[in-house]
Amino acid sequence: MKLRGNYFLTQKEDVRGEESVSANLLVRSGMIKKVGSGIYVFLPFGLRVLKNIENVVRDEMNAICSNELVMPSILPEDVYSKSGRVKTFGDDMFHLFDRYGRRYVLGPTHEEMFVEVAKDVIQSHKDMPLSLYQIANKYRDEPRSRYGLIRTREFIMKDAYTFDKDEEGLAISYQKMFDAYHRIFHRLGIQYEVVRADTGAMGGSLSEEFQAICDIGEDGLAICNNCHYATNIEICECVNQNVKNIDKKLKKQLLYTPNVGTIQDLYEQYKIEPKNTVKTLLYKVDDKLYAFLIRGDRELNETKISKLLHANEVIMATALEDEQVTNAQVGFAGPIGLDIPIIIDNEVLSMKNFLVGANRTNYHYINVNLDDFSYVQAADIRLISEGDFCPRCGHRLIFKKGIEIGNTFKLGTKYSESLGLYYTDQDNKLKPVVMGCYGIGIARILAAYVEQHHDNNGIIFSKDLAPYEVAIVIVNVKDETQVSLAEKIYNELENSGKKILLDNRELRAGVKFKDMDLIGIPKRITVGRKASDGIVEYKDRTSTDVLEVKINEIFNML
């Protein structure tokens, strides 16, 4: 491609309103353009990079015999009603009506439609295994679009689905896809971790995420460097330290604590350590109020609560509900005398002589023990903390942040049963198809890659991802010798199959150099004043060295 006469635009200054490095660089380099909250145009150079990512993904999907198709974006709402996911997605789903008043949605995901397509070809056990995939746009009404391409309202995704007759077949299909994902991210040059995750709205028995390690990642990851255990902190199992509590149980006492409503207040005014307190948190779980008890310096894990109680909705009680149950101001809730189900964290089981709220404004109880109140269950309901013990080997966990760029789910029969996807087995009995689901965020990969591969001058693309492998820069476009030599190099490299960019704009050489660095072209050839001697300059994007090379040697170097 020759730059003059084609669409190419860069910006010298940082972009206002873009809070991530990747969004800033992608806009500045003319890869994308923001047109609304969470809505971006992929400009010509950005589209080329996106297609390069898609090609790697497509290569590996085709290699495991997954069949490509494309689903529509506008779908009848009743497809999602049958699977119960209109309520699950809630406000995240875009709704619309046609001229006859019929209800439609913009597809947030396509499990239901893939089931409908599979129905046409799966009749018996002989029709499986089957694997289908697409690369298409998805739509979700994000309440807070942020970080450029990382969280958007319209996004490009590869989603694949496997169909098997039993769990054994699913295990084989799942492993094939899992291995393909590893190959994809290795080829793309992404630094990532695979972590266990919550199945969430997708359902199923297993969810694993491919997380690109990045400081701005929205997902917290708990990782053990000893045994390589890795998981999303939302579902990380908490292992309590085996400490013998030899303290003698004391008798509880009422303590006057005016103007104290938080654990921090108790520490500042009464020097009571947070680890010696137990806080009582009131939540509505599917419209039923519960009290959850955790150590004062810990955080409650709503994902674990949802799993424990098989709940659809877990929300904190309102101030009014809190006061009605405790007969006290917010901040003084405690388990003693509380007339709702109480669930305590496993860690509380080993505590003695701790402080709790007294369900009385301005009062707490000190020296409280487990026999001072009743509870219905003890469970792991807290959020893991950095430095806690690995549940596999006992070493300390470290925290990292990640951007979810891929996920794999063992869906089981959730969608096949709700949507009527059955087959006849060898004994002519009707059974539900066992499904797997696998996603890759195509645009997210671009953002994650830029977050991991950049410097002060711009993006650093690999040759496989770069919009062009080589940039040829003409120092003086009015010099016929320079132009002629640059054209010769351009034509020969293009004929050899390489993706070449010729910067023939009438601009200063320094401006052109900065642009080529900004857009991340891996290799640069500069045709300048020594063109008449058959000598050009060669520079690699990641190096500060500039080499003078004879024209007949440049082709070997590339």
Protein backbone atom coordinates (compact mmCIF):
# COMPACT_ATOMS: atom_id res chain seq x y z
CA MET A 1 0.00 0.00 0.00
CA LYS A 2 1.20 3.50 -0.85
CA LEU A 3 0.23 6.01 1.81
CA ARG A 4 -0.33 9.05 -0.39
CA GLY A 5 -3.93 9.05 -1.58
CA ASN A 6 -5.09 6.45 0.96
CA TYR A 7 -6.79 6.77 4.35
CA PHE A 8 -4.14 7.33 7.01
CA LEU A 9 -4.39 9.59 10.04
CA THR A 10 -2.32 9.81 13.23
CA GLN A 11 -2.36 12.12 16.24
CA LYS A 12 0.70 13.51 18.05
CA GLU A 13 -0.97 14.16 21.38
CA ASP A 14 -2.68 11.79 23.81
CA VAL A 15 -6.42 11.40 23.35
CA ARG A 16 -8.74 13.00 25.90
CA GLY A 17 -11.23 10.64 27.49
CA GLU A 18 -9.36 7.40 26.82
CA GLU A 19 -8.26 5.93 30.15
CA SER A 20 -6.15 3.01 28.94
CA VAL A 21 -2.82 2.85 27.10
CA SER A 22 -4.28 0.61 24.41
CA ALA A 23 -7.26 2.85 23.65
CA ASN A 24 -5.04 5.93 23.55
CA LEU A 25 -2.50 4.33 21.19
CA LEU A 26 -5.10 2.69 18.95
CA VAL A 27 -6.88 6.02 18.47
CA ARG A 28 -3.65 7.99 18.03
CA SER A 29 -2.34 5.49 15.48
CA GLY A 30 -5.49 5.71 13.39
CA MET A 31 -6.58 2.12 14.11
CA ILE A 32 -9.95 2.97 15.66
CA LYS A 33 -12.27 5.96 16.12
CA LYS A 34 -14.72 6.43 18.97
CA VAL A 35 -18.24 7.40 17.88
CA GLY A 36 -20.12 6.84 21.14
CA SER A 37 -19.83 5.28 24.60
CA GLY A 38 -18.40 1.82 23.99
CA ILE A 39 -18.82 2.11 20.20
CA TYR A 40 -15.83 2.23 17.83
CA VAL A 41 -15.11 2.33 14.11
CA PHE A 42 -12.31 0.05 12.93
CA LEU A 43 -10.39 2.20 10.46
CA PRO A 44 -8.40 0.63 7.57
CA PHE A 45 -5.20 -0.05 9.52
CA GLY A 46 -7.05 -1.32 12.57
CA LEU A 47 -9.20 -3.56 10.39
CA ARG A 48 -6.07 -5.12 8.88
CA VAL A 49 -4.79 -6.01 12.37
CA LEU A 50 -8.22 -7.34 13.34
CA LYS A 51 -8.27 -9.56 10.24
CA ASN A 52 -4.80 -10.86 11.09
CA ILE A 53 -6.09 -11.91 14.52
CA GLU A 54 -9.16 -13.51 12.94
CA ASN A 55 -6.97 -15.45 10.51
CA VAL A 56 -4.96 -17.01 13.34
CA VAL A 57 -8.17 -17.95 15.16
CA ARG A 58 -9.73 -19.31 11.96
CA ASP A 59 -6.63 -21.39 11.19
CA GLU A 60 -6.79 -23.17 14.52
CA MET A 61 -10.57 -23.65 14.47
CA ASN A 62 -10.42 -25.20 11.02
CA ALA A 63 -7.49 -27.39 12.12
CA ILE A 64 -9.75 -29.14 14.67
CA CYS A 65 -12.54 -29.54 12.10
CA SER A 66 -14.88 -26.90 13.50
CA ASN A 67 -17.32 -25.66 10.84
CA GLU A 68 -17.70 -21.91 10.34
CA LEU A 69 -21.04 -20.15 9.90
CA VAL A 70 -22.46 -16.71 10.72
CA MET A 71 -25.54 -16.04 12.85
CA PRO A 72 -27.84 -13.02 12.47
CA SER A 73 -27.55 -10.17 14.98
CA ILE A 74 -31.31 -9.52 15.22
CA LEU A 75 -33.04 -12.44 16.91
CA PRO A 76 -36.59 -13.18 18.12
CA GLU A 77 -36.80 -12.56 21.85
CA ASP A 78 -38.72 -15.79 22.47
CA VAL A 79 -35.60 -17.80 21.63
CA TYR A 80 -34.01 -16.44 24.82
CA SER A 81 -37.28 -16.70 26.77
CA LYS A 82 -37.31 -20.48 26.27
CA SER A 83 -33.91 -20.81 27.91
CA GLY A 84 -34.80 -18.36 30.69
CA ARG A 85 -32.07 -15.91 29.80
CA VAL A 86 -34.14 -12.80 29.12
CA LYS A 87 -34.37 -12.39 32.89
CA THR A 88 -30.75 -13.48 33.42
CA PHE A 89 -29.35 -10.87 31.05
CA GLY A 90 -31.78 -8.22 32.30
CA ASP A 91 -30.84 -4.67 31.31
CA ASP A 92 -27.71 -5.89 29.52
CA MET A 93 -29.82 -7.01 26.57
CA PHE A 94 -30.86 -4.59 23.79
CA HIS A 95 -34.57 -4.94 22.92
CA LEU A 96 -36.39 -3.73 19.82
CA PHE A 97 -39.71 -4.14 18.00
CA ASP A 98 -40.53 -4.57 14.34
CA ARG A 99 -43.37 -2.66 12.62
CA TYR A 100 -45.86 -5.33 13.71
CA GLY A 101 -44.93 -5.05 17.37
CA ARG A 102 -43.02 -8.32 17.52
CA ARG A 103 -40.19 -8.40 20.06
CA TYR A 104 -36.56 -8.87 19.03
CA VAL A 105 -33.16 -8.54 20.66
CA LEU A 106 -29.65 -7.77 19.47
CA GLY A 107 -27.80 -11.02 20.11
CA PRO A 108 -25.69 -10.82 23.29
CA THR A 109 -24.58 -14.43 22.73
CA HIS A 110 -25.79 -17.25 20.49
CA GLU A 111 -26.11 -20.53 22.43
CA GLU A 112 -29.83 -20.74 21.68
CA MET A 113 -29.43 -20.19 17.94
CA PHE A 114 -26.65 -22.75 17.64
CA VAL A 115 -28.97 -25.27 19.27
CA GLU A 116 -31.64 -24.47 16.67
CA VAL A 117 -29.13 -25.00 13.85
CA ALA A 118 -27.86 -28.25 15.38
CA LYS A 119 -31.40 -29.64 15.55
CA ASP A 120 -31.42 -29.88 11.77
CA VAL A 121 -28.47 -32.28 11.60
CA ILE A 122 -28.43 -34.16 14.92
CA GLN A 123 -30.95 -36.97 15.03
CA SER A 124 -28.96 -39.94 16.34
CA HIS A 125 -25.72 -40.72 18.16
CA LYS A 126 -24.08 -41.24 14.75
CA ASP A 127 -24.39 -37.50 13.98
CA MET A 128 -21.92 -36.54 16.71
CA PRO A 129 -19.43 -35.16 17.58
CA LEU A 130 -20.23 -31.88 15.84
CA SER A 131 -18.38 -28.56 16.16
CA LEU A 132 -19.57 -25.18 14.85
CA TYR A 133 -18.16 -21.66 15.19
CA GLN A 134 -18.62 -18.09 14.01
CA ILE A 135 -16.78 -14.77 14.12
CA ALA A 136 -19.47 -12.13 14.53
CA ASN A 137 -20.66 -9.04 16.41
CA LYS A 138 -22.33 -9.24 19.82
CA TYR A 139 -24.28 -6.54 21.65
CA ARG A 140 -24.61 -5.78 25.36
CA ASP A 141 -25.83 -2.61 27.02
CA GLU A 142 -22.83 -2.15 29.28
CA PRO A 143 -23.64 0.12 32.24
CA ARG A 144 -20.06 1.39 32.19
CA SER A 145 -18.17 1.09 28.92
CA ARG A 146 -14.48 1.63 29.59
CA TYR A 147 -10.88 1.02 28.58
CA GLY A 148 -11.50 1.37 24.86
CA LEU A 149 -11.99 -2.03 23.22
CA ILE A 150 -11.86 -3.90 26.52
CA ARG A 151 -15.45 -3.19 27.55
CA THR A 152 -17.74 -2.08 24.73
CA ARG A 153 -21.38 -2.25 23.77
CA GLU A 154 -20.71 -3.83 20.40
CA PHE A 155 -17.87 -6.31 20.19
CA ILE A 156 -16.45 -8.92 17.83
CA MET A 157 -16.27 -12.42 19.17
CA LYS A 158 -15.42 -15.91 18.01
CA ASP A 159 -17.83 -18.32 19.63
CA ALA A 160 -17.79 -22.07 19.08
CA TYR A 161 -20.06 -24.88 20.23
CA THR A 162 -19.54 -28.62 20.41
CA PHE A 163 -22.25 -31.27 20.49
CA ASP A 164 -21.64 -34.76 21.91
CA LYS A 165 -23.66 -37.76 23.01
CA ASP A 166 -22.19 -37.98 26.54
CA GLU A 167 -19.79 -36.45 29.03
CA GLU A 168 -16.91 -38.58 27.75
CA GLY A 169 -17.40 -37.16 24.27
CA LEU A 170 -17.60 -33.62 25.67
CA ALA A 171 -14.31 -34.15 27.52
CA ILE A 172 -12.59 -35.00 24.22
CA SER A 173 -14.15 -32.07 22.34
CA TYR A 174 -13.38 -29.70 25.21
CA GLN A 175 -9.71 -30.72 25.28
CA LYS A 176 -9.36 -30.22 21.52
CA MET A 177 -10.74 -26.70 21.81
CA PHE A 178 -8.70 -25.99 24.94
CA ASP A 179 -5.48 -27.00 23.18
CA ALA A 180 -6.42 -24.91 20.13
CA TYR A 181 -6.83 -21.88 22.39
CA HIS A 182 -3.33 -22.36 23.76
CA ARG A 183 -1.95 -22.45 20.21
CA ILE A 184 -3.91 -19.32 19.25
CA PHE A 185 -2.62 -17.20 22.13
CA HIS A 186 0.93 -18.45 21.72
CA ARG A 187 0.85 -17.54 18.03
CA LEU A 188 -0.53 -14.10 18.86
CA GLY A 189 2.20 -13.44 21.42
CA ILE A 190 -0.10 -12.85 24.40
CA GLN A 191 1.14 -13.38 27.96
CA TYR A 192 -1.76 -15.15 29.68
CA GLU A 193 -2.89 -17.42 32.49
CA VAL A 194 -5.68 -20.01 32.43
CA VAL A 195 -7.88 -19.71 35.52
CA ARG A 196 -10.98 -21.40 36.86
CA ALA A 197 -14.01 -19.10 36.85
CA ASP A 198 -17.68 -18.85 37.76
CA THR A 199 -20.04 -20.22 35.10
CA GLY A 200 -22.36 -17.23 35.63
CA ALA A 201 -25.22 -16.70 33.18
CA MET A 202 -23.83 -19.38 30.87
CA GLY A 203 -24.42 -22.18 33.34
CA GLY A 204 -22.78 -25.59 33.12
CA SER A 205 -20.30 -27.56 35.22
CA LEU A 206 -16.96 -25.95 34.31
CA SER A 207 -15.70 -22.56 33.22
CA GLU A 208 -12.08 -21.67 32.48
CA GLU A 209 -10.82 -18.27 31.39
CA PHE A 210 -7.79 -17.28 29.36
CA GLN A 211 -6.66 -14.08 31.04
CA ALA A 212 -4.15 -11.68 29.46
CA ILE A 213 -1.98 -10.41 32.31
CA CYS A 214 -2.32 -6.64 32.45
CA ASP A 215 -2.30 -3.88 35.07
CA ILE A 216 -5.65 -2.46 33.94
CA GLY A 217 -7.35 -5.85 33.88
CA GLU A 218 -10.81 -5.85 35.41
CA ASP A 219 -10.55 -9.43 36.70
CA GLY A 220 -8.60 -10.32 39.83
CA LEU A 221 -6.57 -13.53 39.59
CA ALA A 222 -5.20 -15.61 42.46
CA ILE A 223 -2.07 -17.48 41.40
CA CYS A 224 0.30 -19.88 43.12
CA ASN A 225 3.84 -19.73 41.76
CA ASN A 226 4.67 -23.03 43.43
CA CYS A 227 2.07 -25.43 41.97
CA HIS A 228 0.73 -23.11 39.22
CA TYR A 229 -2.79 -23.15 40.62
CA ALA A 230 -4.70 -20.22 39.12
CA THR A 231 -8.26 -19.04 39.53
CA ASN A 232 -10.47 -16.00 39.41
CA ILE A 233 -10.58 -14.52 42.91
CA GLU A 234 -14.40 -14.66 42.79
CA ILE A 235 -14.38 -18.44 43.14
CA CYS A 236 -11.02 -19.07 44.81
CA GLU A 237 -11.38 -21.51 47.68
CA CYS A 238 -10.32 -20.05 51.03
CA VAL A 239 -8.17 -22.25 53.24
CA ASN A 240 -7.97 -21.23 56.87
CA GLN A 241 -4.74 -21.46 58.81
CA ASN A 242 -4.78 -24.22 61.41
CA VAL A 243 -4.20 -22.21 64.56
CA LYS A 244 -4.89 -23.61 68.01
CA ASN A 245 -6.96 -21.10 69.88
CA ILE A 246 -6.07 -21.64 73.53
CA ASP A 247 -7.86 -18.54 74.76
CA LYS A 248 -10.37 -19.19 77.52
CA LYS A 249 -13.94 -18.30 76.61
CA LEU A 250 -15.05 -15.11 78.32
CA LYS A 251 -18.53 -13.92 79.12
CA LYS A 252 -20.01 -11.52 76.63
CA GLN A 253 -20.44 -7.90 77.72
CA LEU A 254 -22.33 -4.95 76.29
CA LEU A 255 -20.04 -2.12 75.20
CA TYR A 256 -21.21 1.46 74.68
CA THR A 257 -19.81 2.61 71.31
CA PRO A 258 -21.37 5.95 70.36
CA ASN A 259 -20.83 7.33 66.87
CA VAL A 260 -19.22 4.09 65.68
CA GLY A 261 -20.58 2.41 62.56
CA THR A 262 -17.63 0.72 60.89
CA ILE A 263 -14.82 -1.69 61.71
CA GLN A 264 -12.33 1.12 61.10
CA ASP A 265 -14.15 3.33 63.62
CA LEU A 266 -13.83 0.60 66.26
CA TYR A 267 -10.11 0.34 65.69
CA GLU A 268 -9.50 4.09 65.73
CA GLN A 269 -11.56 4.79 68.85
CA TYR A 270 -11.22 1.58 70.89
CA LYS A 271 -8.07 -0.05 69.41
CA ILE A 272 -10.01 -3.22 68.68
CA GLU A 273 -8.18 -5.09 65.93
CA PRO A 274 -10.39 -5.87 62.88
CA LYS A 275 -9.27 -9.52 62.97
CA ASN A 276 -10.88 -9.77 66.45
CA THR A 277 -14.26 -8.61 65.18
CA VAL A 278 -17.04 -10.31 63.24
CA LYS A 279 -19.24 -8.20 61.01
CA THR A 280 -22.83 -9.07 60.22
CA LEU A 281 -23.92 -8.31 56.66
CA LEU A 282 -27.57 -8.44 55.64
CA TYR A 283 -28.46 -9.52 52.10
CA LYS A 284 -31.59 -10.34 50.14
CA VAL A 285 -31.17 -13.69 48.40
CA ASP A 286 -34.01 -14.20 45.92
CA ASP A 287 -36.17 -11.87 48.09
CA LYS A 288 -35.34 -13.67 51.36
CA LEU A 289 -33.23 -11.90 53.99
CA TYR A 290 -30.11 -13.61 55.34
CA ALA A 291 -27.34 -12.53 57.70
CA PHE A 292 -23.77 -13.45 56.77
CA LEU A 293 -20.95 -13.36 59.32
CA ILE A 294 -17.31 -12.88 58.33
CA ARG A 295 -14.20 -11.66 60.13
CA GLY A 296 -14.03 -7.89 60.33
CA ASP A 297 -11.08 -7.49 57.96
CA ARG A 298 -12.54 -9.80 55.29
CA GLU A 299 -14.88 -9.22 52.34
CA LEU A 300 -18.04 -11.18 51.60
CA ASN A 301 -18.06 -13.12 48.32
CA GLU A 302 -21.44 -12.73 46.62
CA THR A 303 -20.57 -15.30 43.94
CA LYS A 304 -20.01 -17.96 46.59
CA ILE A 305 -23.28 -17.04 48.28
CA SER A 306 -25.13 -17.39 45.01
CA LYS A 307 -23.63 -20.85 44.43
CA LEU A 308 -24.19 -21.95 48.03
CA LEU A 309 -27.88 -21.02 48.04
CA HIS A 310 -28.53 -21.74 44.31
CA ALA A 311 -29.73 -18.15 44.00
CA ASN A 312 -30.59 -16.09 40.94
CA GLU A 313 -30.12 -12.75 42.70
CA VAL A 314 -27.98 -11.64 45.63
CA ILE A 315 -28.23 -7.98 46.65
CA MET A 316 -27.34 -6.09 49.81
CA ALA A 317 -30.29 -5.20 52.03
CA THR A 318 -31.41 -1.59 51.98
CA ALA A 319 -30.85 0.67 54.98
CA LEU A 320 -34.56 0.48 55.75
CA GLU A 321 -34.59 -3.34 55.64
CA ASP A 322 -31.48 -3.45 57.82
CA GLU A 323 -33.04 -1.20 60.46
CA GLN A 324 -36.35 -3.10 60.42
CA VAL A 325 -34.61 -6.42 61.10
CA THR A 326 -32.09 -5.16 63.71
CA ASN A 327 -34.14 -2.37 65.33
CA ALA A 328 -30.97 -0.30 65.17
CA GLN A 329 -29.15 2.10 62.91
CA VAL A 330 -27.04 0.69 60.10
CA GLY A 331 -23.63 -0.36 61.41
CA PHE A 332 -24.79 -2.07 64.60
CA ALA A 333 -26.14 -5.36 63.21
CA GLY A 334 -25.13 -8.52 65.05
CA PRO A 335 -26.14 -12.19 65.26
CA ILE A 336 -27.44 -12.28 68.84
CA GLY A 337 -31.24 -12.31 68.85
CA LEU A 338 -31.45 -11.89 65.07
CA ASP A 339 -34.61 -13.48 63.68
CA ILE A 340 -33.40 -14.38 60.15
CA PRO A 341 -31.21 -17.28 58.91
CA ILE A 342 -27.54 -16.78 59.78
CA ILE A 343 -24.67 -18.25 57.76
CA ILE A 344 -21.14 -17.90 59.08
CA ASP A 345 -17.82 -18.13 57.29
CA ASN A 346 -15.63 -21.15 58.09
CA GLU A 347 -12.98 -18.83 59.48
CA VAL A 348 -15.34 -17.68 62.25
CA LEU A 349 -15.56 -21.27 63.52
CA SER A 350 -12.07 -20.98 65.02
CA MET A 351 -12.59 -17.55 66.62
CA LYS A 352 -13.13 -16.81 70.32
CA ASN A 353 -14.04 -13.73 72.32
CA PHE A 354 -14.82 -11.56 69.32
CA LEU A 355 -16.81 -8.34 68.93
CA VAL A 356 -20.16 -8.10 67.13
CA GLY A 357 -22.91 -5.55 66.72
CA ALA A 358 -25.59 -5.61 69.44
CA ASN A 359 -28.64 -4.83 67.24
CA ARG A 360 -28.90 -1.70 69.34
CA THR A 361 -27.82 1.75 68.23
CA ASN A 362 -24.45 2.80 69.71
CA TYR A 363 -23.76 -0.63 71.24
CA HIS A 364 -21.61 -3.69 70.51
CA TYR A 365 -21.00 -6.95 72.33
CA ILE A 366 -17.45 -7.95 73.21
CA ASN A 367 -16.22 -11.44 74.16
CA VAL A 368 -18.83 -13.14 72.00
CA ASN A 369 -18.48 -16.84 71.17
CA LEU A 370 -20.28 -19.25 68.85
CA ASP A 371 -22.52 -20.61 71.63
CA ASP A 372 -23.94 -17.09 72.18
CA PHE A 373 -26.08 -17.30 69.03
CA SER A 374 -27.51 -19.78 66.54
CA TYR A 375 -26.61 -20.21 62.89
CA VAL A 376 -27.94 -22.50 60.18
CA GLN A 377 -24.72 -23.20 58.32
CA ALA A 378 -20.97 -22.61 58.18
CA ALA A 379 -19.38 -22.34 54.72
CA ASP A 380 -16.64 -20.71 52.68
CA ILE A 381 -18.30 -17.37 51.92
CA ARG A 382 -15.43 -14.90 51.98
CA LEU A 383 -13.31 -13.38 49.25
CA ILE A 384 -9.74 -14.61 49.04
CA SER A 385 -7.06 -12.17 50.22
CA GLU A 386 -3.58 -11.82 48.76
CA GLY A 387 -1.13 -13.85 50.80
CA ASP A 388 -3.74 -16.44 51.81
CA PHE A 389 -2.85 -20.11 51.44
CA CYS A 390 -3.09 -21.97 48.14
CA PRO A 391 -5.85 -24.61 48.46
CA ARG A 392 -3.71 -27.08 46.51
CA CYS A 393 -0.21 -26.89 48.00
CA GLY A 394 -0.41 -24.50 50.97
CA HIS A 395 1.98 -21.85 49.62
CA ARG A 396 1.05 -18.17 49.63
CA LEU A 397 -1.08 -16.85 46.79
CA ILE A 398 -0.19 -13.76 44.78
CA PHE A 399 -2.67 -11.53 42.95
CA LYS A 400 -2.51 -10.39 39.35
CA LYS A 401 -4.95 -8.53 37.13
CA GLY A 402 -6.19 -9.90 33.85
CA ILE A 403 -8.25 -9.11 30.76
CA GLU A 404 -10.47 -12.02 29.82
CA ILE A 405 -9.67 -12.78 26.17
CA GLY A 406 -11.05 -16.30 25.97
CA ASN A 407 -13.28 -18.68 27.88
CA THR A 408 -14.35 -22.30 27.71
CA PHE A 409 -17.49 -23.82 29.25
CA LYS A 410 -18.77 -27.33 29.77
CA LEU A 411 -22.45 -26.52 29.36
CA GLY A 412 -23.77 -30.05 29.72
CA THR A 413 -27.45 -30.42 28.84
CA LYS A 414 -28.78 -27.06 30.11
CA TYR A 415 -29.62 -25.66 26.67
CA SER A 416 -30.36 -28.89 24.87
CA GLU A 417 -33.01 -29.82 27.46
CA SER A 418 -34.62 -26.37 27.61
CA LEU A 419 -34.67 -26.00 23.81
CA GLY A 420 -35.41 -29.60 22.81
CA LEU A 421 -32.14 -30.84 21.29
CA TYR A 422 -32.30 -34.63 21.68
CA TYR A 423 -30.90 -37.67 19.88
CA THR A 424 -31.61 -41.40 19.84
CA ASP A 425 -28.91 -43.63 21.30
CA GLN A 426 -27.91 -47.20 20.33
CA ASP A 427 -30.92 -48.56 22.27
CA ASN A 428 -33.27 -46.15 20.46
CA LYS A 429 -33.77 -44.10 23.63
CA LEU A 430 -34.12 -40.32 23.48
CA LYS A 431 -31.34 -38.40 25.27
CA PRO A 432 -30.30 -34.72 25.49
CA VAL A 433 -27.19 -33.63 23.59
CA VAL A 434 -24.21 -32.67 25.75
CA MET A 435 -22.78 -29.25 24.80
CA GLY A 436 -19.62 -27.21 25.18
CA CYS A 437 -19.21 -23.48 24.54
CA TYR A 438 -16.00 -21.58 23.73
CA GLY A 439 -15.44 -17.84 23.20
CA ILE A 440 -12.62 -15.56 22.13
CA GLY A 441 -12.82 -11.75 22.21
CA ILE A 442 -11.24 -10.73 18.90
CA ALA A 443 -11.15 -6.98 19.54
CA ARG A 444 -10.18 -7.53 23.17
CA ILE A 445 -7.12 -9.44 21.98
CA LEU A 446 -6.05 -6.33 20.04
CA ALA A 447 -6.42 -4.17 23.16
CA ALA A 448 -4.67 -6.71 25.40
CA TYR A 449 -1.82 -7.09 22.92
CA VAL A 450 -1.21 -3.33 22.79
CA GLU A 451 -1.32 -3.12 26.59
CA GLN A 452 1.46 -5.71 26.72
CA HIS A 453 3.46 -4.58 23.66
CA HIS A 454 4.19 -0.86 23.50
CA ASP A 455 6.83 1.71 24.39
CA ASN A 456 7.05 5.49 24.56
CA ASN A 457 7.02 5.69 20.76
CA GLY A 458 3.88 3.64 20.15
CA ILE A 459 2.72 0.09 19.45
CA ILE A 460 5.14 -2.81 18.90
CA PHE A 461 3.45 -5.31 16.58
CA SER A 462 4.79 -8.72 15.64
CA LYS A 463 5.00 -9.38 11.90
CA ASP A 464 1.95 -11.68 12.11
CA LEU A 465 -0.27 -9.01 13.68
CA ALA A 466 1.09 -5.82 12.13
CA PRO A 467 -1.00 -4.12 9.45
CA TYR A 468 2.17 -4.22 7.29
CA GLU A 469 5.42 -6.11 7.86
CA VAL A 470 7.77 -3.54 6.34
CA ALA A 471 7.58 0.23 5.92
CA ILE A 472 9.62 1.89 3.17
CA VAL A 473 10.15 5.58 3.94
CA ILE A 474 11.25 7.98 1.19
CA VAL A 475 13.18 10.86 2.74
CA ASN A 476 12.68 13.25 -0.18
CA VAL A 477 9.82 12.42 -2.53
CA LYS A 478 11.04 15.09 -4.98
CA ASP A 479 14.27 13.17 -5.52
CA GLU A 480 13.67 10.91 -8.53
CA THR A 481 16.51 8.54 -7.57
CA GLN A 482 15.04 7.95 -4.09
CA VAL A 483 11.54 7.48 -5.47
CA SER A 484 12.74 5.08 -8.18
CA LEU A 485 14.73 2.93 -5.74
CA ALA A 486 11.90 2.88 -3.19
CA GLU A 487 9.45 1.79 -5.89
CA LYS A 488 11.81 -0.99 -6.95
CA ILE A 489 12.15 -2.33 -3.39
CA TYR A 490 8.40 -1.99 -2.88
CA ASN A 491 7.51 -3.97 -6.01
CA GLU A 492 10.03 -6.75 -5.38
CA LEU A 493 8.97 -7.24 -1.76
CA GLU A 494 5.29 -7.19 -2.68
CA ASN A 495 5.89 -9.77 -5.39
CA SER A 496 7.59 -11.99 -2.80
CA GLY A 497 4.33 -12.04 -0.80
CA LYS A 498 5.19 -9.61 1.97
CA LYS A 499 2.82 -6.92 3.26
CA ILE A 500 4.59 -3.67 2.40
CA LEU A 501 3.80 -0.03 3.21
CA LEU A 502 5.38 2.75 1.12
CA ASP A 503 5.42 6.14 2.84
CA ASN A 504 5.54 8.49 -0.13
CA ARG A 505 3.92 11.46 1.62
CA GLU A 506 5.37 14.94 1.23
CA LEU A 507 6.35 15.28 4.87
CA ARG A 508 9.59 15.59 6.83
CA ALA A 509 11.41 12.30 7.38
CA GLY A 510 11.20 12.69 11.17
CA VAL A 511 7.39 12.87 11.03
CA LYS A 512 7.28 9.71 8.92
CA PHE A 513 9.62 7.86 11.29
CA LYS A 514 7.43 8.75 14.27
CA ASP A 515 4.31 7.58 12.44
CA MET A 516 5.87 4.23 11.53
CA ASP A 517 6.90 3.69 15.16
CA LEU A 518 3.48 4.76 16.42
CA ILE A 519 1.60 2.26 14.23
CA GLY A 520 4.04 -0.49 15.16
CA ILE A 521 5.51 -1.56 11.81
CA PRO A 522 8.13 -4.25 12.68
CA LYS A 523 10.81 -3.26 10.11
CA ARG A 524 11.66 0.02 8.42
CA ILE A 525 13.68 0.70 5.27
CA THR A 526 14.71 4.31 4.71
CA VAL A 527 15.60 5.42 1.19
CA GLY A 528 17.61 8.64 1.47
CA ARG A 529 20.63 10.51 0.24
CA LYS A 530 22.70 7.35 -0.50
CA ALA A 531 20.09 5.96 -2.86
CA SER A 532 22.34 6.83 -5.83
CA ASP A 533 24.97 4.48 -4.32
CA GLY A 534 22.44 1.68 -3.90
CA ILE A 535 22.48 2.01 -0.10
CA VAL A 536 19.47 2.22 2.22
CA GLU A 537 19.00 2.26 6.00
CA TYR A 538 17.43 -0.65 7.86
CA LYS A 539 15.91 -0.50 11.36
CA ASP A 540 14.02 -2.97 13.50
CA ARG A 541 11.13 -1.51 15.57
CA THR A 542 12.52 -2.87 18.84
CA SER A 543 16.10 -1.72 18.25
CA THR A 544 17.83 1.67 18.32
CA ASP A 545 20.42 0.53 15.77
CA VAL A 546 20.19 1.91 12.24
CA LEU A 547 22.18 -0.13 9.68
CA GLU A 548 23.35 0.98 6.26
CA VAL A 549 22.69 -1.86 3.84
CA LYS A 550 23.32 -2.36 0.13
CA ILE A 551 20.19 -2.85 -1.88
CA ASN A 552 21.10 -6.39 -2.95
CA GLU A 553 21.48 -7.39 0.73
CA ILE A 554 18.19 -5.96 2.03
CA PHE A 555 16.13 -8.78 0.55
CA ASN A 556 18.20 -11.41 2.37
CA MET A 557 17.81 -9.51 5.66
CA LEU A 558 14.05 -9.59 5.30
